[in-house]
Amino acid sequence: MLCATITFLLVFFAVFCFYDCLKPPRFPPGPKWLPFFGCFFTVRRLKAKHGYAYLAFQELAKTYGPILGLKLGGQKVVVVFTHDLVKKVLLRDEFNGRPDGFFFRVRSFGKRQGVVFSDGPTWSQTRRFTMRHLRTFGLGRLTMEKQVTVEAENLIDFLRRASDKGPVLMHTAFDIAVLNSLWFMFAGHRFDYDDEKLTEILDVVHDAFRLMDTMGGVVSQMPLLRFLMPELSGYNELMRILRKLWSFLDEEINIHEKDLSRDQPQDLIDAFLLEISNSSNGGQKDSIFDRENLLVLCLDLFLAGSKTTTDTLAITLLFLSLHQEWIKILQEELKTVVGRSRPPVLDDYSSLPMMEAFITEIQRFLILAPFGLPHKTMNDVTLNGYSIPKDTIVLLDYHSVHYDPAQWDHPKEFRPQRFLDDNGRFRQNTANLPFGLGKRRCPGEILARTTLFLFLAYVIHYFDIEISPDHGRPDPNGYDGFTISPKPYYLKLKMRTDVAKDSAA
């Protein structure tokens, strides 16, 4: 009996291993799949070699082509390269889902909630509500411009005080200013720069983005590892981070619940709480308006709404410190257009073509989110003759989009002039996709563009920027994770002597 049981188990194991290595018919080409692990070890080896996941996938694409088929643990993954293919995917609804792995569910209490990692009716209703009320409370309006201007002034004051003490730690210097630009519309208040609790939470945010990759990390690819090796798989650290973030945001919601005015909501959280109350009183079933979904929405906006803009500003200052000639060029244009008697304003942007071209080229050249947010196939689909099953994770390589030689002349060169016409006026290039495309295009694009310009223009207007001799040359190679985060670095900021005293923050 024992021998028969062992024989049955061995046969079952062998059959499972055989079928676990079989690729779906006409699945995109890629490395061979191992039982249980798929291509995990191949990708891990290449990532160790190159330092970044996107470079590992690009090396595989050289062998297997621009539509790469993988299996990482239990996840089927397709990586799409080049501008034309990525654009084709972005504009097809069948690719507009979000992954449903362990990481994407555990952050939202085991459900499909929020606005970033949900899809279907939940996503469309939550996004529609969020955008409508963010506009009500200022998004894209004069109110937003005024708030971002206030934050720019506070940022300059913070940097001035910090620079008086010596070189300034820059990789987190923009965190609070960027968050405040969103948080005023979302939660009706701003944070002080000396808020120790917020500073601690923002450190947790940076940890979160370094811990997980775009696909949800090992705990999504092989969920059983959270039981077998909870520390090594990152599960324990993930839960520590999530509990801190949940607690911080839950306190924010509690404050709003106590002060809620049913006559006139003051911010997005108020508006959502009123909808929760109305849904409860009306006995609506399957409503998106419940406290859990609000908490996950807060988490989405807190993380996605600030991190990429913060890191873009931080890496831009790092780039400028290594290329001093661009500081002089931008300062000279600001001096010519804005002068020295007042700070820049948003209306100046259209009269600063080199500044606009510089920021646009920065977003093309310095790729901080090589895969953006992961997509998922909503149905069985075909792409250029390949069959991709339903629920396959689809990664879009934006690095290949912005470095595609079919779209860009000398893409490896930093050349803001590519966005200027023969008369020196700014011209956009539709091949540039810093905020994505289609229905999943970044909803915070207007705020991000406004923040990037005003904060960068203010810093260059008020400060000369140098590498700190005490800390050495900043490392332009960031940490790989969900995004590529800049490593800690210091700069020497010096208030410019010709700035008007009454224009300084």
Protein backbone atom coordinates (compact mmCIF):
# COMPACT_ATOMS: atom_id res chain seq x y z
CA MET A 1 0.00 0.00 0.00
CA LEU A 2 2.80 2.37 0.93
CA CYS A 3 4.66 1.58 -2.28
CA ALA A 4 1.54 2.23 -4.34
CA THR A 5 0.98 5.58 -2.63
CA ILE A 6 4.59 6.63 -3.22
CA THR A 7 4.37 5.51 -6.86
CA PHE A 8 1.17 7.49 -7.35
CA LEU A 9 2.71 10.61 -5.81
CA LEU A 10 5.81 10.29 -7.96
CA VAL A 11 3.73 9.88 -11.11
CA PHE A 12 1.53 12.82 -10.12
CA PHE A 13 4.62 14.94 -9.45
CA ALA A 14 6.15 14.01 -12.80
CA VAL A 15 2.94 14.79 -14.69
CA PHE A 16 2.60 18.11 -12.86
CA CYS A 17 6.19 19.07 -13.68
CA PHE A 18 5.64 18.16 -17.33
CA TYR A 19 2.52 20.29 -17.70
CA ASP A 20 3.94 23.12 -15.61
CA CYS A 21 6.68 23.52 -18.20
CA LEU A 22 4.34 23.56 -21.20
CA LYS A 23 3.79 26.94 -22.81
CA PRO A 24 0.34 27.89 -24.11
CA PRO A 25 -0.07 27.52 -27.88
CA ARG A 26 1.52 30.40 -29.84
CA PHE A 27 2.70 32.04 -26.60
CA PRO A 28 5.43 34.66 -27.23
CA PRO A 29 8.94 33.17 -27.34
CA GLY A 30 11.21 33.22 -24.31
CA PRO A 31 13.52 31.06 -22.17
CA LYS A 32 12.58 27.52 -21.17
CA TRP A 33 10.33 27.08 -18.14
CA LEU A 34 11.37 25.05 -15.12
CA PRO A 35 8.75 23.35 -12.91
CA PHE A 36 7.50 25.68 -10.14
CA PHE A 37 10.04 28.41 -11.00
CA GLY A 38 9.57 29.08 -14.71
CA CYS A 39 12.24 31.57 -15.87
CA PHE A 40 12.80 32.91 -12.36
CA PHE A 41 16.47 31.92 -12.11
CA THR A 42 17.28 33.13 -15.63
CA VAL A 43 15.82 36.57 -14.91
CA ARG A 44 17.42 36.71 -11.46
CA ARG A 45 20.86 35.91 -12.94
CA LEU A 46 20.53 38.59 -15.63
CA LYS A 47 19.28 41.14 -13.13
CA ALA A 48 22.31 40.45 -10.92
CA LYS A 49 24.51 40.90 -13.99
CA HIS A 50 23.00 44.20 -15.17
CA GLY A 51 21.64 45.64 -11.92
CA TYR A 52 18.14 46.38 -13.23
CA ALA A 53 15.18 44.23 -14.26
CA TYR A 54 14.50 46.22 -17.44
CA LEU A 55 18.06 45.58 -18.66
CA ALA A 56 17.65 41.87 -17.92
CA PHE A 57 14.49 41.75 -20.03
CA GLN A 58 16.10 43.79 -22.79
CA GLU A 59 18.94 41.26 -23.02
CA LEU A 60 16.39 38.47 -23.42
CA ALA A 61 14.55 40.50 -26.05
CA LYS A 62 17.73 40.56 -28.15
CA THR A 63 17.37 36.78 -28.46
CA TYR A 64 13.61 36.28 -28.48
CA GLY A 65 12.24 39.46 -30.03
CA PRO A 66 10.18 42.52 -28.97
CA ILE A 67 7.31 40.47 -27.53
CA LEU A 68 8.89 38.36 -24.79
CA GLY A 69 7.07 35.49 -23.08
CA LEU A 70 8.06 34.46 -19.55
CA LYS A 71 6.82 32.56 -16.54
CA LEU A 72 8.01 33.75 -13.14
CA GLY A 73 6.94 31.33 -10.47
CA GLY A 74 3.24 30.90 -11.11
CA GLN A 75 2.85 34.15 -13.07
CA LYS A 76 2.75 34.26 -16.86
CA VAL A 77 4.38 37.50 -17.99
CA VAL A 78 4.68 39.13 -21.41
CA VAL A 79 7.09 42.05 -21.85
CA VAL A 80 6.47 44.36 -24.83
CA PHE A 81 9.18 46.53 -26.36
CA THR A 82 9.45 49.36 -28.95
CA HIS A 83 7.27 52.41 -29.40
CA ASP A 84 4.83 50.99 -31.95
CA LEU A 85 4.05 47.80 -30.02
CA VAL A 86 3.73 49.54 -26.65
CA LYS A 87 1.40 52.14 -28.15
CA LYS A 88 -0.69 49.38 -29.73
CA VAL A 89 -1.10 47.70 -26.33
CA LEU A 90 -1.94 50.93 -24.50
CA LEU A 91 -4.79 51.70 -26.89
CA ARG A 92 -6.46 48.28 -26.61
CA ASP A 93 -9.00 47.74 -23.83
CA GLU A 94 -8.15 44.04 -23.59
CA PHE A 95 -4.80 45.00 -22.03
CA ASN A 96 -6.21 47.49 -19.52
CA GLY A 97 -6.50 45.13 -16.54
CA ARG A 98 -4.29 45.13 -13.46
CA PRO A 99 -2.53 42.07 -11.97
CA ASP A 100 -4.35 40.05 -9.35
CA GLY A 101 -1.40 38.48 -7.51
CA PHE A 102 -0.79 38.26 -3.78
CA PHE A 103 0.94 41.64 -3.43
CA PHE A 104 -1.79 43.49 -5.30
CA ARG A 105 -4.49 42.00 -3.10
CA VAL A 106 -2.81 42.06 0.31
CA ARG A 107 -2.35 45.84 0.11
CA SER A 108 -6.13 46.17 -0.36
CA PHE A 109 -7.30 43.67 2.28
CA GLY A 110 -7.60 40.74 -0.11
CA LYS A 111 -9.94 42.58 -2.48
CA ARG A 112 -9.79 44.50 -5.75
CA GLN A 113 -10.09 48.07 -4.52
CA GLY A 114 -8.73 51.56 -5.03
CA VAL A 115 -7.85 53.23 -8.32
CA VAL A 116 -4.33 51.99 -9.15
CA PHE A 117 -4.55 48.18 -9.04
CA SER A 118 -8.23 47.59 -9.73
CA ASP A 119 -10.01 47.13 -13.03
CA GLY A 120 -13.50 46.68 -14.44
CA PRO A 121 -16.48 48.52 -12.89
CA THR A 122 -14.67 49.09 -9.56
CA TRP A 123 -11.84 50.92 -11.27
CA SER A 124 -14.01 52.96 -13.64
CA GLN A 125 -16.38 54.09 -10.85
CA THR A 126 -13.56 54.90 -8.41
CA ARG A 127 -11.54 56.78 -11.03
CA ARG A 128 -14.59 58.73 -12.22
CA PHE A 129 -15.47 59.75 -8.66
CA THR A 130 -11.84 60.62 -7.82
CA MET A 131 -11.25 62.78 -10.88
CA ARG A 132 -14.57 64.59 -10.58
CA HIS A 133 -13.96 65.58 -6.97
CA LEU A 134 -10.27 66.38 -7.39
CA ARG A 135 -11.34 68.86 -10.07
CA THR A 136 -13.97 70.23 -7.69
CA PHE A 137 -11.27 70.82 -5.09
CA GLY A 138 -8.77 72.40 -7.48
CA LEU A 139 -7.16 69.97 -9.95
CA GLY A 140 -6.41 71.85 -13.15
CA ARG A 141 -7.78 75.10 -11.75
CA LEU A 142 -6.35 78.33 -10.41
CA THR A 143 -6.69 76.94 -6.89
CA MET A 144 -4.17 74.21 -7.73
CA GLU A 145 -1.73 76.70 -9.25
CA LYS A 146 -1.91 78.88 -6.15
CA GLN A 147 -1.37 75.91 -3.85
CA VAL A 148 1.62 74.63 -5.82
CA THR A 149 3.06 78.17 -5.80
CA VAL A 150 2.70 78.30 -2.00
CA GLU A 151 4.49 74.97 -1.77
CA ALA A 152 7.26 76.21 -4.07
CA GLU A 153 7.78 79.19 -1.76
CA ASN A 154 7.83 76.91 1.30
CA LEU A 155 10.28 74.62 -0.47
CA ILE A 156 12.69 77.48 -1.10
CA ASP A 157 12.43 78.54 2.53
CA PHE A 158 13.14 74.97 3.65
CA LEU A 159 16.12 74.63 1.31
CA ARG A 160 17.49 78.01 2.38
CA ARG A 161 17.36 77.04 6.06
CA ALA A 162 18.84 73.62 5.32
CA SER A 163 21.65 75.09 3.18
CA ASP A 164 22.60 77.48 5.99
CA LYS A 165 23.65 74.39 7.97
CA GLY A 166 25.72 72.87 5.15
CA PRO A 167 25.18 70.54 2.15
CA VAL A 168 21.55 69.48 1.70
CA LEU A 169 20.32 65.88 1.48
CA MET A 170 18.51 66.03 -1.85
CA HIS A 171 16.99 62.64 -2.65
CA THR A 172 14.16 63.35 -0.18
CA ALA A 173 14.21 67.16 -0.33
CA PHE A 174 11.03 67.40 -2.45
CA ASP A 175 8.97 64.78 -0.59
CA ILE A 176 6.78 67.02 1.55
CA ALA A 177 6.36 69.81 -1.01
CA VAL A 178 5.16 67.37 -3.69
CA LEU A 179 2.86 65.54 -1.27
CA ASN A 180 1.34 68.80 -0.05
CA SER A 181 0.45 69.82 -3.60
CA LEU A 182 -1.85 66.80 -3.79
CA TRP A 183 -2.85 66.45 -0.15
CA PHE A 184 -4.50 69.85 0.04
CA MET A 185 -7.09 68.73 -2.54
CA PHE A 186 -7.35 65.23 -1.17
CA ALA A 187 -7.38 65.83 2.58
CA GLY A 188 -7.85 69.58 2.93
CA HIS A 189 -4.58 70.43 4.66
CA ARG A 190 -0.83 70.46 4.19
CA PHE A 191 2.02 69.04 6.28
CA ASP A 192 4.75 71.00 8.02
CA TYR A 193 8.36 70.27 7.09
CA ASP A 194 9.20 69.49 10.72
CA ASP A 195 6.40 66.90 11.07
CA GLU A 196 8.43 63.98 12.43
CA LYS A 197 5.61 61.47 12.02
CA LEU A 198 5.23 62.33 8.35
CA THR A 199 8.99 62.16 7.81
CA GLU A 200 8.96 58.66 9.28
CA ILE A 201 6.10 57.62 7.01
CA LEU A 202 7.83 59.04 3.94
CA ASP A 203 10.89 56.94 4.81
CA VAL A 204 8.53 53.94 4.82
CA VAL A 205 7.28 54.95 1.35
CA HIS A 206 10.84 54.92 0.01
CA ASP A 207 11.36 51.48 1.58
CA ALA A 208 8.16 50.21 -0.07
CA PHE A 209 9.24 51.21 -3.57
CA ARG A 210 12.64 49.56 -3.14
CA LEU A 211 11.21 46.35 -1.66
CA MET A 212 8.85 45.28 -4.46
CA ASP A 213 9.27 45.09 -8.21
CA THR A 214 6.65 45.94 -10.81
CA MET A 215 5.21 42.42 -10.74
CA GLY A 216 4.68 42.34 -6.97
CA GLY A 217 7.94 40.63 -6.05
CA VAL A 218 8.66 37.05 -5.08
CA VAL A 219 5.60 36.87 -2.79
CA SER A 220 3.34 37.30 -5.83
CA GLN A 221 5.32 34.97 -8.07
CA MET A 222 5.57 32.22 -5.42
CA PRO A 223 3.08 33.03 -2.63
CA LEU A 224 3.93 29.90 -0.61
CA LEU A 225 7.32 31.41 0.21
CA ARG A 226 5.64 33.76 2.68
CA PHE A 227 5.06 30.71 4.87
CA LEU A 228 8.36 28.93 4.19
CA MET A 229 10.70 31.94 4.38
CA PRO A 230 8.72 35.04 5.40
CA GLU A 231 11.85 37.09 6.04
CA LEU A 232 13.86 36.23 2.93
CA SER A 233 10.84 36.55 0.62
CA GLY A 234 10.20 40.10 1.85
CA TYR A 235 6.77 39.21 3.26
CA ASN A 236 7.52 40.34 6.82
CA GLU A 237 8.92 43.65 5.61
CA LEU A 238 5.98 44.15 3.26
CA MET A 239 3.46 43.67 6.07
CA ARG A 240 5.44 45.98 8.37
CA ILE A 241 5.31 48.69 5.71
CA LEU A 242 1.62 48.18 4.96
CA ARG A 243 0.60 48.26 8.63
CA LYS A 244 2.40 51.57 9.12
CA LEU A 245 0.82 53.09 6.04
CA TRP A 246 -2.65 51.78 6.88
CA SER A 247 -2.38 53.16 10.42
CA PHE A 248 -1.22 56.59 9.24
CA LEU A 249 -4.00 56.90 6.67
CA ASP A 250 -6.63 55.46 9.00
CA GLU A 251 -5.90 58.26 11.47
CA GLU A 252 -6.40 60.80 8.67
CA ILE A 253 -9.80 59.30 7.85
CA ASN A 254 -10.76 59.25 11.55
CA ILE A 255 -10.09 63.00 11.78
CA HIS A 256 -12.33 63.62 8.79
CA GLU A 257 -15.10 61.45 10.21
CA LYS A 258 -15.15 63.53 13.40
CA ASP A 259 -15.21 66.88 11.59
CA LEU A 260 -17.37 65.91 8.61
CA SER A 261 -19.81 68.55 7.42
CA ARG A 262 -22.77 67.06 5.59
CA ASP A 263 -23.56 70.38 3.93
CA GLN A 264 -20.27 71.14 2.25
CA PRO A 265 -17.41 68.60 1.87
CA GLN A 266 -14.03 70.31 2.02
CA ASP A 267 -11.93 67.70 0.21
CA LEU A 268 -11.99 64.33 -1.52
CA ILE A 269 -12.01 62.33 1.72
CA ASP A 270 -15.05 64.29 2.94
CA ALA A 271 -16.85 63.65 -0.35
CA PHE A 272 -16.11 59.92 -0.16
CA LEU A 273 -17.31 59.68 3.46
CA LEU A 274 -20.58 61.37 2.51
CA GLU A 275 -21.05 58.82 -0.28
CA ILE A 276 -20.41 56.01 2.23
CA SER A 277 -23.12 57.45 4.46
CA ASN A 278 -25.56 57.81 1.56
CA SER A 279 -24.86 54.27 0.33
CA SER A 280 -25.42 52.83 3.81
CA ASN A 281 -28.68 54.71 4.30
CA GLY A 282 -29.89 53.72 0.86
CA GLY A 283 -29.04 50.07 1.39
CA GLN A 284 -27.01 49.90 -1.84
CA LYS A 285 -25.27 46.60 -2.49
CA ASP A 286 -21.93 46.22 -4.28
CA SER A 287 -21.18 49.90 -3.78
CA ILE A 288 -17.60 51.11 -4.16
CA PHE A 289 -18.24 53.47 -1.25
CA ASP A 290 -17.02 51.74 1.89
CA ARG A 291 -14.31 52.57 4.36
CA GLU A 292 -11.88 49.93 3.09
CA ASN A 293 -12.01 51.25 -0.44
CA LEU A 294 -11.47 54.77 0.87
CA LEU A 295 -8.40 53.60 2.79
CA VAL A 296 -6.99 51.88 -0.31
CA LEU A 297 -7.73 54.99 -2.41
CA CYS A 298 -5.82 57.06 0.16
CA LEU A 299 -2.95 54.59 -0.10
CA ASP A 300 -2.96 54.76 -3.91
CA LEU A 301 -2.89 58.54 -4.04
CA PHE A 302 -0.41 58.84 -1.19
CA LEU A 303 2.06 56.54 -2.96
CA ALA A 304 1.49 57.04 -6.68
CA GLY A 305 0.55 60.70 -6.37
CA SER A 306 3.88 61.83 -4.99
CA LYS A 307 6.65 59.27 -5.47
CA THR A 308 7.34 59.60 -9.20
CA THR A 309 7.26 63.41 -9.17
CA THR A 310 9.49 63.54 -6.09
CA ASP A 311 12.03 61.22 -7.66
CA THR A 312 11.91 63.05 -11.01
CA LEU A 313 12.80 66.31 -9.28
CA ALA A 314 15.51 64.65 -7.17
CA ILE A 315 17.15 62.95 -10.14
CA THR A 316 16.88 66.16 -12.19
CA LEU A 317 18.85 68.10 -9.57
CA LEU A 318 21.38 65.27 -9.49
CA PHE A 319 21.69 65.45 -13.27
CA LEU A 320 22.13 69.23 -13.16
CA SER A 321 24.86 68.95 -10.55
CA LEU A 322 26.79 66.70 -12.96
CA HIS A 323 26.10 68.95 -15.97
CA GLN A 324 26.63 72.49 -14.74
CA GLU A 325 26.31 73.93 -18.24
CA TRP A 326 22.57 73.25 -18.16
CA ILE A 327 22.13 75.17 -14.93
CA LYS A 328 23.63 78.24 -16.59
CA ILE A 329 21.50 77.83 -19.72
CA LEU A 330 18.26 77.54 -17.73
CA GLN A 331 19.17 80.36 -15.35
CA GLU A 332 19.95 82.64 -18.27
CA GLU A 333 16.58 81.92 -19.90
CA LEU A 334 14.79 82.56 -16.60
CA LYS A 335 16.67 85.82 -16.19
CA THR A 336 15.73 86.94 -19.70
CA VAL A 337 12.03 86.03 -19.46
CA VAL A 338 11.23 86.35 -15.75
CA GLY A 339 13.90 88.75 -14.55
CA ARG A 340 15.24 88.87 -11.01
CA SER A 341 12.58 91.01 -9.35
CA ARG A 342 9.94 88.25 -9.05
CA PRO A 343 9.72 84.44 -8.95
CA PRO A 344 8.56 82.37 -11.92
CA VAL A 345 4.83 81.75 -12.38
CA LEU A 346 3.01 79.09 -14.36
CA ASP A 347 2.13 81.56 -17.12
CA ASP A 348 5.86 81.92 -17.81
CA TYR A 349 6.17 78.29 -18.91
CA SER A 350 5.06 78.86 -22.50
CA SER A 351 7.65 81.65 -22.78
CA LEU A 352 10.47 79.38 -21.56
CA PRO A 353 10.93 76.95 -24.47
CA MET A 354 14.34 75.71 -23.32
CA MET A 355 13.03 75.00 -19.82
CA GLU A 356 10.06 73.12 -21.28
CA ALA A 357 12.31 71.21 -23.68
CA PHE A 358 14.73 70.41 -20.84
CA ILE A 359 12.00 68.97 -18.58
CA THR A 360 10.54 66.99 -21.48
CA GLU A 361 13.94 65.56 -22.38
CA ILE A 362 14.59 64.72 -18.72
CA GLN A 363 11.41 62.64 -18.70
CA ARG A 364 12.49 60.91 -21.91
CA PHE A 365 16.14 60.42 -21.01
CA LEU A 366 16.01 59.55 -17.31
CA ILE A 367 13.61 56.62 -17.04
CA LEU A 368 12.57 56.20 -13.39
CA ALA A 369 9.65 53.86 -14.09
CA PRO A 370 10.85 51.61 -16.94
CA PHE A 371 7.65 49.55 -16.89
CA GLY A 372 5.17 52.11 -15.58
CA LEU A 373 2.35 50.21 -13.88
CA PRO A 374 1.79 46.55 -14.82
CA HIS A 375 -1.11 45.64 -17.07
CA LYS A 376 -3.11 42.41 -17.31
CA THR A 377 -5.02 40.84 -20.18
CA MET A 378 -8.76 40.94 -19.54
CA ASN A 379 -9.43 38.17 -22.12
CA ASP A 380 -7.49 35.80 -24.34
CA VAL A 381 -5.88 38.19 -26.85
CA THR A 382 -3.53 38.16 -29.81
CA LEU A 383 -0.66 40.55 -30.44
CA ASN A 384 1.27 40.43 -33.73
CA GLY A 385 0.31 36.79 -34.23
CA TYR A 386 1.08 35.64 -30.69
CA SER A 387 -1.62 34.37 -28.32
CA ILE A 388 -1.65 35.76 -24.80
CA PRO A 389 -4.01 34.04 -22.33
CA LYS A 390 -6.40 35.87 -20.04
CA ASP A 391 -4.89 37.11 -16.74
CA THR A 392 -1.34 37.32 -18.12
CA ILE A 393 0.73 40.17 -16.67
CA VAL A 394 1.87 42.54 -19.42
CA LEU A 395 4.85 44.83 -18.85
CA LEU A 396 5.47 47.72 -21.23
CA ASP A 397 9.11 48.75 -21.56
CA TYR A 398 8.97 52.56 -21.66
CA HIS A 399 12.75 52.68 -21.78
CA SER A 400 12.61 51.02 -25.20
CA VAL A 401 9.88 53.49 -26.19
CA HIS A 402 11.95 56.54 -25.30
CA TYR A 403 15.15 55.09 -26.73
CA ASP A 404 13.62 53.63 -29.88
CA PRO A 405 15.97 54.58 -32.78
CA ALA A 406 13.00 54.41 -35.15
CA GLN A 407 11.48 57.38 -33.31
CA TRP A 408 14.44 59.33 -31.92
CA ASP A 409 17.60 60.71 -33.50
CA HIS A 410 20.59 59.70 -31.34
CA PRO A 411 18.37 58.54 -28.44
CA LYS A 412 21.29 57.88 -26.06
CA GLU A 413 22.29 61.55 -26.17
CA PHE A 414 20.73 64.12 -23.84
CA ARG A 415 19.46 66.72 -26.32
CA PRO A 416 16.61 69.01 -25.19
CA GLN A 417 16.98 70.76 -28.56
CA ARG A 418 15.12 67.82 -30.13
CA PHE A 419 11.97 69.42 -28.67
CA LEU A 420 12.62 72.84 -30.26
CA ASP A 421 11.72 73.87 -33.79
CA ASP A 422 13.90 75.92 -36.14
CA ASN A 423 12.63 79.14 -34.51
CA GLY A 424 13.51 77.97 -31.01
CA ARG A 425 9.88 77.33 -30.02
CA PHE A 426 8.89 74.23 -28.06
CA ARG A 427 7.39 71.38 -30.07
CA GLN A 428 6.02 68.14 -28.64
CA ASN A 429 6.85 64.71 -30.02
CA THR A 430 3.99 62.21 -29.86
CA ALA A 431 6.51 59.37 -29.41
CA ASN A 432 7.17 60.71 -25.91
CA LEU A 433 4.91 58.94 -23.39
CA PRO A 434 5.98 60.01 -19.88
CA PHE A 435 2.40 59.74 -18.58
CA GLY A 436 1.27 56.75 -20.62
CA LEU A 437 -1.57 56.70 -23.13
CA GLY A 438 -5.17 55.60 -23.43
CA LYS A 439 -7.66 54.96 -20.65
CA ARG A 440 -4.91 54.15 -18.15
CA ARG A 441 -3.07 57.44 -18.77
CA CYS A 442 -1.83 58.99 -15.52
CA PRO A 443 -4.76 60.89 -13.93
CA GLY A 444 -2.39 63.26 -12.13
CA GLU A 445 -0.63 64.50 -15.27
CA ILE A 446 -1.76 68.13 -14.93
CA LEU A 447 -0.61 68.34 -11.33
CA ALA A 448 2.68 66.59 -12.11
CA ARG A 449 3.51 68.94 -15.00
CA THR A 450 2.70 72.01 -12.91
CA THR A 451 4.73 70.76 -9.95
CA LEU A 452 7.75 69.77 -12.02
CA PHE A 453 7.97 73.17 -13.68
CA LEU A 454 7.34 75.42 -10.68
CA PHE A 455 9.54 73.53 -8.22
CA LEU A 456 12.43 73.20 -10.65
CA ALA A 457 12.12 76.80 -11.85
CA TYR A 458 12.02 78.10 -8.27
CA VAL A 459 15.12 76.15 -7.23
CA ILE A 460 17.13 77.28 -10.25
CA HIS A 461 15.87 80.85 -9.87
CA TYR A 462 16.97 81.14 -6.25
CA PHE A 463 20.01 78.86 -5.95
CA ASP A 464 23.33 78.06 -7.51
CA ILE A 465 23.92 74.31 -7.28
CA GLU A 466 27.23 72.54 -6.75
CA ILE A 467 28.44 69.09 -5.82
CA SER A 468 29.26 68.88 -2.12
CA PRO A 469 33.04 68.46 -1.73
CA ASP A 470 32.41 66.72 1.61
CA HIS A 471 30.21 64.02 0.06
CA GLY A 472 31.61 63.66 -3.45
CA ARG A 473 30.03 63.07 -6.81
CA PRO A 474 26.42 61.80 -6.64
CA ASP A 475 25.75 58.32 -8.01
CA PRO A 476 23.33 58.61 -10.97
CA ASN A 477 22.48 54.89 -10.76
CA GLY A 478 19.44 54.48 -8.52
CA TYR A 479 18.00 51.54 -6.59
CA ASP A 480 15.97 49.07 -8.61
CA GLY A 481 12.49 48.28 -7.34
CA PHE A 482 8.94 49.19 -8.28
CA THR A 483 10.58 52.30 -9.71
CA ILE A 484 14.25 53.28 -9.94
CA SER A 485 14.77 55.46 -6.86
CA PRO A 486 17.70 57.88 -6.55
CA LYS A 487 20.32 57.00 -3.97
CA PRO A 488 21.00 59.46 -1.13
CA TYR A 489 23.14 62.38 -2.24
CA TYR A 490 24.07 65.87 -1.02
CA LEU A 491 24.36 69.15 -2.90
CA LYS A 492 25.72 72.53 -1.95
CA LEU A 493 22.99 75.15 -2.47
CA LYS A 494 23.91 78.81 -2.42
CA MET A 495 21.37 81.63 -2.61
CA ARG A 496 22.06 83.71 -5.69
CA THR A 497 23.31 87.18 -4.80
CA ASP A 498 21.31 89.00 -7.48
CA VAL A 499 17.92 87.69 -6.33
CA ALA A 500 15.54 90.38 -5.14
CA LYS A 501 15.10 90.23 -1.37
CA ASP A 502 11.36 90.73 -1.51
CA SER A 503 10.96 87.82 -3.98
CA ALA A 504 12.72 85.24 -1.79
CA ALA A 505 10.54 82.92 0.25
